Amino acid sequence: LFTSILGISHPRASSVIDDSAEVVSSADRAAFMARLGYLPQDVPAPWTMRLHEFVAYAAWLKGLDQKAAGVRATQALERVNLSDEARKRMTALSGGMRRRAGIAAALVHDPAVLVLDEPTAGLDPVERRRLHELVRELATQCIVVVSTHLLEDVRSVGGQVNVLADGLLVAVGLVTD
């Protein structure tokens, strides 16, 4: 599923749709990718970079100029509770902090579609709860797709749930209280 959304592979039995139009050409894909935020399972980062630089670099890669990238990086770090760590090198961060750094990098450019792969992995209970709140907030502003094996995460973020088995959709439902 994620590889299709990210344009790495082509969907076998369905399509990726953006603004009611199928994403088929390379120009369509480029426009879609510019509006996409992605948190992979493993956050790739130049570990010698400082945290703020890493998030600003992610913003620059999405087309923001240097000044806007810096401002947005500061805002994104606030959203994931990492403002106090902004000057630290990525190597000095704990695994949970690196995860939150990846989330900040994924949302720094205000994506229209946010794809989060196992976003709570490595987070302590307090940060897990904060992330659940952030995901609920973000879901009011953009499309959020979360991949998780944790039922707590599913219950906490709510919305539509699609269950996949061997790449096939086997169940669809809504999370209710």
N, C-alpha and C. Protein backbone atom coordinates (compact mmCIF):
# COMPACT_ATOMS: atom_id res chain seq x y z
N LEU A 1 0.83 -1.19 0.00
CA LEU A 1 0.00 0.00 0.00
C LEU A 1 0.87 1.25 0.00
N PHE A 2 1.81 1.34 0.96
CA PHE A 2 2.64 2.54 1.04
C PHE A 2 3.47 2.73 -0.22
N THR A 3 4.00 1.64 -0.77
CA THR A 3 4.83 1.79 -1.95
C THR A 3 4.01 2.34 -3.12
N SER A 4 2.72 2.01 -3.18
CA SER A 4 1.85 2.57 -4.22
C SER A 4 1.59 4.05 -3.97
N ILE A 5 1.28 4.40 -2.73
CA ILE A 5 1.02 5.80 -2.39
C ILE A 5 2.26 6.64 -2.67
N LEU A 6 3.42 6.10 -2.35
CA LEU A 6 4.67 6.84 -2.50
C LEU A 6 5.21 6.83 -3.93
N GLY A 7 4.54 6.09 -4.81
CA GLY A 7 4.97 6.06 -6.20
C GLY A 7 6.14 5.15 -6.47
N ILE A 8 6.50 4.31 -5.50
CA ILE A 8 7.62 3.39 -5.68
C ILE A 8 7.18 2.22 -6.57
N SER A 9 5.94 1.78 -6.42
CA SER A 9 5.39 0.72 -7.26
C SER A 9 4.02 1.16 -7.75
N HIS A 10 3.56 0.49 -8.77
CA HIS A 10 2.23 0.81 -9.29
C HIS A 10 1.21 -0.13 -8.65
N PRO A 11 0.05 0.40 -8.27
CA PRO A 11 -0.97 -0.47 -7.67
C PRO A 11 -1.42 -1.53 -8.66
N ARG A 12 -1.63 -2.76 -8.15
CA ARG A 12 -2.04 -3.85 -9.02
C ARG A 12 -3.53 -3.83 -9.31
N ALA A 13 -4.33 -3.53 -8.30
CA ALA A 13 -5.77 -3.66 -8.48
C ALA A 13 -6.53 -2.38 -8.19
N SER A 14 -5.83 -1.29 -7.94
CA SER A 14 -6.51 -0.04 -7.62
C SER A 14 -5.63 1.12 -8.08
N SER A 15 -6.03 2.32 -7.70
CA SER A 15 -5.31 3.51 -8.15
C SER A 15 -5.05 4.45 -6.98
N VAL A 16 -4.08 5.31 -7.16
CA VAL A 16 -3.87 6.41 -6.23
C VAL A 16 -4.60 7.61 -6.83
N ILE A 17 -5.49 8.21 -6.05
CA ILE A 17 -6.30 9.32 -6.51
C ILE A 17 -5.91 10.56 -5.72
N ASP A 18 -5.75 11.69 -6.43
CA ASP A 18 -5.44 12.96 -5.79
C ASP A 18 -6.37 14.00 -6.39
N ASP A 19 -7.13 14.69 -5.54
CA ASP A 19 -8.09 15.69 -6.02
C ASP A 19 -8.98 15.13 -7.12
N SER A 20 -9.49 13.93 -6.90
CA SER A 20 -10.42 13.25 -7.81
C SER A 20 -9.81 12.86 -9.14
N ALA A 21 -8.50 12.94 -9.28
CA ALA A 21 -7.84 12.54 -10.53
C ALA A 21 -6.81 11.46 -10.23
N GLU A 22 -6.76 10.46 -11.11
CA GLU A 22 -5.80 9.38 -10.93
C GLU A 22 -4.39 9.89 -11.17
N VAL A 23 -3.46 9.50 -10.31
CA VAL A 23 -2.05 9.87 -10.44
C VAL A 23 -1.41 8.86 -11.39
N VAL A 24 -1.16 9.30 -12.63
CA VAL A 24 -0.63 8.37 -13.62
C VAL A 24 0.67 8.85 -14.26
N SER A 25 0.77 10.11 -14.60
CA SER A 25 1.97 10.60 -15.30
C SER A 25 3.05 10.99 -14.30
N SER A 26 4.26 11.20 -14.80
CA SER A 26 5.34 11.62 -13.90
C SER A 26 5.07 13.02 -13.37
N ALA A 27 4.42 13.88 -14.15
CA ALA A 27 4.07 15.22 -13.65
C ALA A 27 3.03 15.11 -12.54
N ASP A 28 2.05 14.21 -12.71
CA ASP A 28 1.06 13.96 -11.65
C ASP A 28 1.76 13.49 -10.38
N ARG A 29 2.69 12.55 -10.56
CA ARG A 29 3.40 11.99 -9.40
C ARG A 29 4.23 13.05 -8.70
N ALA A 30 4.91 13.91 -9.47
CA ALA A 30 5.73 14.96 -8.87
C ALA A 30 4.87 15.93 -8.07
N ALA A 31 3.72 16.31 -8.62
CA ALA A 31 2.82 17.22 -7.91
C ALA A 31 2.28 16.56 -6.65
N PHE A 32 1.93 15.28 -6.76
CA PHE A 32 1.42 14.55 -5.60
C PHE A 32 2.50 14.43 -4.53
N MET A 33 3.72 14.09 -4.93
CA MET A 33 4.81 13.91 -3.97
C MET A 33 5.13 15.20 -3.23
N ALA A 34 4.98 16.34 -3.90
CA ALA A 34 5.24 17.63 -3.25
C ALA A 34 4.25 17.90 -2.13
N ARG A 35 3.07 17.29 -2.21
CA ARG A 35 2.02 17.48 -1.20
C ARG A 35 1.97 16.35 -0.19
N LEU A 36 2.91 15.43 -0.26
CA LEU A 36 2.91 14.24 0.58
C LEU A 36 3.94 14.36 1.69
N GLY A 37 3.57 14.00 2.90
CA GLY A 37 4.51 13.87 4.01
C GLY A 37 4.61 12.40 4.37
N TYR A 38 5.82 11.92 4.61
CA TYR A 38 6.01 10.48 4.85
C TYR A 38 6.97 10.24 5.99
N LEU A 39 6.54 9.40 6.92
CA LEU A 39 7.40 8.91 8.00
C LEU A 39 7.65 7.43 7.75
N PRO A 40 8.86 7.05 7.34
CA PRO A 40 9.17 5.63 7.16
C PRO A 40 9.40 4.95 8.52
N GLN A 41 9.44 3.63 8.50
CA GLN A 41 9.72 2.91 9.75
C GLN A 41 11.07 3.30 10.32
N ASP A 42 12.05 3.41 9.46
CA ASP A 42 13.39 3.84 9.90
C ASP A 42 13.63 5.23 9.35
N VAL A 43 13.90 6.17 10.23
CA VAL A 43 14.09 7.56 9.82
C VAL A 43 15.52 7.72 9.29
N PRO A 44 15.65 7.93 7.97
CA PRO A 44 16.99 8.15 7.42
C PRO A 44 17.40 9.59 7.66
N ALA A 45 18.57 9.78 8.21
CA ALA A 45 19.01 11.15 8.48
C ALA A 45 20.52 11.22 8.45
N PRO A 46 21.06 12.34 7.98
CA PRO A 46 22.49 12.57 8.14
C PRO A 46 22.73 12.80 9.63
N TRP A 47 23.24 11.83 10.30
CA TRP A 47 23.29 11.85 11.77
C TRP A 47 24.17 12.96 12.32
N THR A 48 25.04 13.55 11.51
CA THR A 48 25.86 14.65 12.01
C THR A 48 25.11 15.98 12.00
N MET A 49 23.98 16.02 11.32
CA MET A 49 23.16 17.25 11.28
C MET A 49 22.56 17.53 12.65
N ARG A 50 22.31 18.79 12.89
CA ARG A 50 21.55 19.18 14.08
C ARG A 50 20.08 18.96 13.76
N LEU A 51 19.30 18.74 14.80
CA LEU A 51 17.88 18.42 14.64
C LEU A 51 17.15 19.49 13.82
N HIS A 52 17.32 20.76 14.17
CA HIS A 52 16.63 21.82 13.44
C HIS A 52 17.04 21.82 11.97
N GLU A 53 18.33 21.61 11.70
CA GLU A 53 18.81 21.56 10.31
C GLU A 53 18.15 20.42 9.54
N PHE A 54 18.02 19.27 10.20
CA PHE A 54 17.41 18.11 9.57
C PHE A 54 15.97 18.40 9.14
N VAL A 55 15.20 19.00 10.03
CA VAL A 55 13.79 19.28 9.72
C VAL A 55 13.70 20.40 8.68
N ALA A 56 14.56 21.41 8.79
CA ALA A 56 14.58 22.49 7.79
C ALA A 56 14.97 21.95 6.42
N TYR A 57 15.91 21.02 6.39
CA TYR A 57 16.32 20.40 5.14
C TYR A 57 15.14 19.66 4.50
N ALA A 58 14.35 18.95 5.32
CA ALA A 58 13.16 18.27 4.80
C ALA A 58 12.20 19.27 4.18
N ALA A 59 12.04 20.42 4.80
CA ALA A 59 11.16 21.48 4.26
C ALA A 59 11.72 22.00 2.94
N TRP A 60 13.03 22.22 2.88
CA TRP A 60 13.67 22.71 1.67
C TRP A 60 13.47 21.70 0.53
N LEU A 61 13.58 20.41 0.84
CA LEU A 61 13.38 19.38 -0.18
C LEU A 61 11.96 19.41 -0.75
N LYS A 62 11.01 19.91 0.04
CA LYS A 62 9.62 20.02 -0.42
C LYS A 62 9.34 21.36 -1.08
N GLY A 63 10.37 22.18 -1.29
CA GLY A 63 10.21 23.38 -2.08
C GLY A 63 10.16 24.69 -1.31
N LEU A 64 10.29 24.66 0.01
CA LEU A 64 10.29 25.91 0.76
C LEU A 64 11.65 26.59 0.65
N ASP A 65 11.67 27.93 0.63
CA ASP A 65 12.95 28.62 0.61
C ASP A 65 13.61 28.51 1.99
N GLN A 66 14.86 28.90 2.08
CA GLN A 66 15.65 28.70 3.30
C GLN A 66 15.00 29.34 4.52
N LYS A 67 14.54 30.59 4.38
CA LYS A 67 13.94 31.29 5.52
C LYS A 67 12.66 30.60 5.97
N ALA A 68 11.77 30.30 5.02
CA ALA A 68 10.51 29.63 5.35
C ALA A 68 10.77 28.25 5.94
N ALA A 69 11.77 27.55 5.42
CA ALA A 69 12.12 26.22 5.92
C ALA A 69 12.54 26.29 7.39
N GLY A 70 13.32 27.31 7.74
CA GLY A 70 13.75 27.47 9.12
C GLY A 70 12.58 27.76 10.06
N VAL A 71 11.68 28.64 9.62
CA VAL A 71 10.50 28.98 10.44
C VAL A 71 9.63 27.75 10.61
N ARG A 72 9.37 27.05 9.51
CA ARG A 72 8.51 25.87 9.58
C ARG A 72 9.15 24.76 10.41
N ALA A 73 10.47 24.63 10.35
CA ALA A 73 11.16 23.61 11.16
C ALA A 73 10.95 23.89 12.64
N THR A 74 11.06 25.15 13.03
CA THR A 74 10.83 25.53 14.43
C THR A 74 9.41 25.17 14.84
N GLN A 75 8.44 25.46 14.00
CA GLN A 75 7.04 25.15 14.31
C GLN A 75 6.81 23.65 14.39
N ALA A 76 7.39 22.89 13.46
CA ALA A 76 7.21 21.43 13.45
C ALA A 76 7.83 20.80 14.70
N LEU A 77 8.98 21.31 15.13
CA LEU A 77 9.61 20.78 16.33
C LEU A 77 8.76 21.08 17.57
N GLU A 78 8.11 22.22 17.59
CA GLU A 78 7.19 22.53 18.70
C GLU A 78 6.05 21.53 18.72
N ARG A 79 5.52 21.18 17.56
CA ARG A 79 4.37 20.27 17.48
C ARG A 79 4.70 18.88 18.00
N VAL A 80 5.96 18.47 17.89
CA VAL A 80 6.33 17.13 18.37
C VAL A 80 7.12 17.18 19.67
N ASN A 81 7.07 18.34 20.34
CA ASN A 81 7.68 18.50 21.66
C ASN A 81 9.20 18.29 21.64
N LEU A 82 9.86 18.86 20.62
CA LEU A 82 11.32 18.73 20.53
C LEU A 82 12.03 20.09 20.45
N SER A 83 11.35 21.16 20.76
CA SER A 83 11.97 22.49 20.65
C SER A 83 13.24 22.60 21.46
N ASP A 84 13.25 22.03 22.65
CA ASP A 84 14.42 22.13 23.53
C ASP A 84 15.63 21.35 23.01
N GLU A 85 15.40 20.46 22.04
CA GLU A 85 16.48 19.61 21.52
C GLU A 85 16.98 20.10 20.16
N ALA A 86 16.47 21.22 19.66
CA ALA A 86 16.70 21.66 18.29
C ALA A 86 18.18 21.78 17.91
N ARG A 87 19.04 22.11 18.85
CA ARG A 87 20.46 22.31 18.53
C ARG A 87 21.28 21.03 18.68
N LYS A 88 20.66 19.98 19.18
CA LYS A 88 21.38 18.71 19.34
C LYS A 88 21.62 18.05 17.99
N ARG A 89 22.71 17.33 17.92
CA ARG A 89 22.98 16.53 16.72
C ARG A 89 22.06 15.31 16.74
N MET A 90 21.72 14.86 15.56
CA MET A 90 20.82 13.71 15.44
C MET A 90 21.39 12.49 16.18
N THR A 91 22.71 12.35 16.20
CA THR A 91 23.33 11.21 16.89
C THR A 91 23.10 11.25 18.40
N ALA A 92 22.84 12.45 18.94
CA ALA A 92 22.66 12.59 20.39
C ALA A 92 21.22 12.33 20.83
N LEU A 93 20.32 12.10 19.89
CA LEU A 93 18.92 11.90 20.24
C LEU A 93 18.62 10.44 20.55
N SER A 94 17.67 10.24 21.45
CA SER A 94 17.21 8.88 21.74
C SER A 94 16.40 8.36 20.56
N GLY A 95 16.09 7.09 20.56
CA GLY A 95 15.29 6.51 19.48
C GLY A 95 13.93 7.17 19.37
N GLY A 96 13.28 7.44 20.49
CA GLY A 96 11.97 8.09 20.47
C GLY A 96 12.05 9.51 19.95
N MET A 97 13.14 10.21 20.30
CA MET A 97 13.32 11.57 19.79
C MET A 97 13.57 11.54 18.28
N ARG A 98 14.33 10.57 17.80
CA ARG A 98 14.55 10.45 16.36
C ARG A 98 13.24 10.18 15.64
N ARG A 99 12.38 9.38 16.26
CA ARG A 99 11.08 9.09 15.67
C ARG A 99 10.27 10.39 15.54
N ARG A 100 10.26 11.17 16.61
CA ARG A 100 9.53 12.44 16.58
C ARG A 100 10.17 13.42 15.60
N ALA A 101 11.50 13.35 15.44
CA ALA A 101 12.17 14.18 14.44
C ALA A 101 11.67 13.81 13.04
N GLY A 102 11.50 12.51 12.80
CA GLY A 102 10.96 12.06 11.53
C GLY A 102 9.54 12.54 11.30
N ILE A 103 8.75 12.56 12.35
CA ILE A 103 7.38 13.06 12.25
C ILE A 103 7.40 14.55 11.93
N ALA A 104 8.27 15.30 12.60
CA ALA A 104 8.40 16.73 12.31
C ALA A 104 8.79 16.95 10.86
N ALA A 105 9.72 16.16 10.35
CA ALA A 105 10.16 16.29 8.96
C ALA A 105 9.02 15.95 8.00
N ALA A 106 8.17 15.00 8.38
CA ALA A 106 7.05 14.61 7.51
C ALA A 106 5.97 15.67 7.44
N LEU A 107 5.80 16.44 8.51
CA LEU A 107 4.70 17.42 8.52
C LEU A 107 5.16 18.86 8.36
N VAL A 108 6.46 19.09 8.19
CA VAL A 108 7.01 20.44 8.16
C VAL A 108 6.45 21.31 7.03
N HIS A 109 6.05 20.72 5.94
CA HIS A 109 5.57 21.50 4.79
C HIS A 109 4.04 21.51 4.69
N ASP A 110 3.34 21.16 5.77
CA ASP A 110 1.88 21.11 5.79
C ASP A 110 1.34 20.27 4.64
N PRO A 111 1.62 18.97 4.67
CA PRO A 111 1.21 18.11 3.55
C PRO A 111 -0.30 17.97 3.44
N ALA A 112 -0.76 17.67 2.25
CA ALA A 112 -2.17 17.37 2.02
C ALA A 112 -2.46 15.93 2.40
N VAL A 113 -1.44 15.09 2.28
CA VAL A 113 -1.54 13.67 2.64
C VAL A 113 -0.34 13.35 3.51
N LEU A 114 -0.59 12.77 4.67
CA LEU A 114 0.47 12.41 5.61
C LEU A 114 0.43 10.90 5.83
N VAL A 115 1.53 10.23 5.52
CA VAL A 115 1.62 8.78 5.64
C VAL A 115 2.61 8.46 6.76
N LEU A 116 2.12 7.79 7.79
CA LEU A 116 2.93 7.48 8.96
C LEU A 116 3.04 5.97 9.13
N ASP A 117 4.24 5.45 9.06
CA ASP A 117 4.48 4.01 9.20
C ASP A 117 4.98 3.74 10.61
N GLU A 118 4.14 3.09 11.41
CA GLU A 118 4.44 2.76 12.81
C GLU A 118 4.92 4.00 13.57
N PRO A 119 4.12 5.07 13.62
CA PRO A 119 4.58 6.33 14.20
C PRO A 119 4.87 6.30 15.69
N THR A 120 4.29 5.38 16.44
CA THR A 120 4.51 5.38 17.89
C THR A 120 5.65 4.45 18.32
N ALA A 121 6.29 3.78 17.37
CA ALA A 121 7.39 2.87 17.72
C ALA A 121 8.49 3.63 18.46
N GLY A 122 8.85 3.14 19.62
CA GLY A 122 9.92 3.74 20.40
C GLY A 122 9.52 4.93 21.25
N LEU A 123 8.24 5.32 21.24
CA LEU A 123 7.82 6.46 22.05
C LEU A 123 7.40 6.01 23.44
N ASP A 124 7.71 6.84 24.43
CA ASP A 124 7.26 6.54 25.79
C ASP A 124 5.75 6.84 25.87
N PRO A 125 5.08 6.39 26.94
CA PRO A 125 3.63 6.56 27.04
C PRO A 125 3.15 8.01 26.92
N VAL A 126 3.88 8.95 27.48
CA VAL A 126 3.47 10.36 27.41
C VAL A 126 3.55 10.85 25.97
N GLU A 127 4.64 10.57 25.28
CA GLU A 127 4.80 11.01 23.89
C GLU A 127 3.85 10.26 22.97
N ARG A 128 3.55 9.02 23.29
CA ARG A 128 2.58 8.25 22.49
C ARG A 128 1.21 8.95 22.55
N ARG A 129 0.80 9.37 23.75
CA ARG A 129 -0.48 10.06 23.92
C ARG A 129 -0.46 11.40 23.18
N ARG A 130 0.65 12.13 23.28
CA ARG A 130 0.77 13.40 22.54
C ARG A 130 0.66 13.18 21.04
N LEU A 131 1.28 12.12 20.56
CA LEU A 131 1.22 11.83 19.13
C LEU A 131 -0.21 11.48 18.71
N HIS A 132 -0.91 10.72 19.53
CA HIS A 132 -2.31 10.41 19.21
C HIS A 132 -3.11 11.70 19.07
N GLU A 133 -2.89 12.64 19.98
CA GLU A 133 -3.60 13.93 19.90
C GLU A 133 -3.21 14.69 18.64
N LEU A 134 -1.92 14.68 18.31
CA LEU A 134 -1.45 15.37 17.11
C LEU A 134 -2.06 14.75 15.86
N VAL A 135 -2.12 13.43 15.79
CA VAL A 135 -2.69 12.77 14.61
C VAL A 135 -4.17 13.13 14.47
N ARG A 136 -4.90 13.14 15.58
CA ARG A 136 -6.32 13.54 15.51
C ARG A 136 -6.45 14.98 15.01
N GLU A 137 -5.58 15.87 15.49
CA GLU A 137 -5.60 17.27 15.03
C GLU A 137 -5.26 17.35 13.54
N LEU A 138 -4.21 16.66 13.12
CA LEU A 138 -3.79 16.70 11.72
C LEU A 138 -4.87 16.14 10.80
N ALA A 139 -5.61 15.14 11.28
CA ALA A 139 -6.65 14.53 10.45
C ALA A 139 -7.79 15.50 10.13
N THR A 140 -7.87 16.61 10.87
CA THR A 140 -8.87 17.63 10.54
C THR A 140 -8.35 18.57 9.46
N GLN A 141 -7.05 18.49 9.16
CA GLN A 141 -6.41 19.40 8.20
C GLN A 141 -5.95 18.72 6.92
N CYS A 142 -5.73 17.41 6.98
CA CYS A 142 -5.23 16.69 5.81
C CYS A 142 -5.63 15.22 5.93
N ILE A 143 -5.35 14.48 4.90
CA ILE A 143 -5.57 13.03 4.93
C ILE A 143 -4.41 12.41 5.68
N VAL A 144 -4.69 11.59 6.67
CA VAL A 144 -3.65 10.92 7.44
C VAL A 144 -3.84 9.41 7.29
N VAL A 145 -2.78 8.75 6.85
CA VAL A 145 -2.77 7.29 6.72
C VAL A 145 -1.75 6.78 7.73
N VAL A 146 -2.19 5.90 8.63
CA VAL A 146 -1.32 5.36 9.66
C VAL A 146 -1.27 3.85 9.52
N SER A 147 -0.07 3.32 9.49
CA SER A 147 0.11 1.87 9.52
C SER A 147 0.58 1.51 10.92
N THR A 148 -0.12 0.58 11.56
CA THR A 148 0.26 0.18 12.90
C THR A 148 -0.23 -1.24 13.18
N HIS A 149 0.45 -1.90 14.10
CA HIS A 149 0.02 -3.20 14.58
C HIS A 149 -0.57 -3.09 15.98
N LEU A 150 -0.60 -1.88 16.52
CA LEU A 150 -1.03 -1.67 17.89
C LEU A 150 -2.49 -1.21 17.95
N LEU A 151 -3.33 -2.02 18.57
CA LEU A 151 -4.75 -1.68 18.68
C LEU A 151 -4.96 -0.40 19.48
N GLU A 152 -4.09 -0.13 20.44
CA GLU A 152 -4.17 1.12 21.21
C GLU A 152 -4.08 2.33 20.27
N ASP A 153 -3.18 2.26 19.30
CA ASP A 153 -3.03 3.36 18.35
C ASP A 153 -4.29 3.51 17.50
N VAL A 154 -4.84 2.39 17.06
CA VAL A 154 -6.05 2.42 16.24
C VAL A 154 -7.19 3.07 17.02
N ARG A 155 -7.39 2.62 18.25
CA ARG A 155 -8.46 3.18 19.10
C ARG A 155 -8.24 4.66 19.37
N SER A 156 -7.01 5.04 19.62
CA SER A 156 -6.71 6.41 20.02
C SER A 156 -6.83 7.43 18.90
N VAL A 157 -6.52 7.04 17.67
CA VAL A 157 -6.59 8.02 16.59
C VAL A 157 -7.91 7.97 15.85
N GLY A 158 -8.63 6.86 15.96
CA GLY A 158 -9.96 6.77 15.39
C GLY A 158 -9.98 6.83 13.88
N GLY A 159 -11.17 7.11 13.34
CA GLY A 159 -11.33 7.21 11.89
C GLY A 159 -11.64 5.88 11.25
N GLN A 160 -11.41 5.82 9.96
CA GLN A 160 -11.66 4.60 9.21
C GLN A 160 -10.48 3.65 9.38
N VAL A 161 -10.78 2.37 9.52
CA VAL A 161 -9.75 1.35 9.65
C VAL A 161 -9.87 0.40 8.48
N ASN A 162 -8.75 0.18 7.80
CA ASN A 162 -8.66 -0.80 6.73
C ASN A 162 -7.68 -1.86 7.19
N VAL A 163 -8.10 -3.11 7.16
CA VAL A 163 -7.24 -4.21 7.58
C VAL A 163 -6.74 -4.92 6.33
N LEU A 164 -5.41 -5.01 6.24
CA LEU A 164 -4.78 -5.68 5.11
C LEU A 164 -4.15 -6.98 5.57
N ALA A 165 -4.23 -7.99 4.72
CA ALA A 165 -3.54 -9.26 4.95
C ALA A 165 -2.91 -9.67 3.63
N ASP A 166 -1.61 -9.85 3.62
CA ASP A 166 -0.89 -10.20 2.40
C ASP A 166 -1.17 -9.24 1.26
N GLY A 167 -1.27 -7.94 1.60
CA GLY A 167 -1.48 -6.92 0.60
C GLY A 167 -2.91 -6.78 0.10
N LEU A 168 -3.82 -7.56 0.65
CA LEU A 168 -5.22 -7.50 0.23
C LEU A 168 -6.07 -6.89 1.33
N LEU A 169 -7.03 -6.08 0.94
CA LEU A 169 -7.98 -5.49 1.89
C LEU A 169 -8.96 -6.56 2.34
N VAL A 170 -8.97 -6.86 3.64
CA VAL A 170 -9.84 -7.92 4.15
C VAL A 170 -10.97 -7.40 5.05
N ALA A 171 -10.87 -6.15 5.52
CA ALA A 171 -11.93 -5.59 6.34
C ALA A 171 -11.84 -4.07 6.35
N VAL A 172 -13.00 -3.42 6.46
CA VAL A 172 -13.09 -1.97 6.55
C VAL A 172 -14.10 -1.65 7.63
N GLY A 173 -13.79 -0.66 8.45
CA GLY A 173 -14.73 -0.26 9.49
C GLY A 173 -14.37 1.08 10.06
N LEU A 174 -15.17 1.54 10.98
CA LEU A 174 -14.93 2.80 11.68
C LEU A 174 -14.66 2.52 13.14
N VAL A 175 -13.77 3.29 13.73
CA VAL A 175 -13.51 3.19 15.17
C VAL A 175 -14.59 4.00 15.87
N THR A 176 -15.27 3.37 16.80
CA THR A 176 -16.30 4.06 17.57
C THR A 176 -15.94 3.96 19.04
N ASP A 177 -16.43 4.90 19.81
CA ASP A 177 -16.17 4.89 21.27
C ASP A 177 -16.91 3.79 21.96
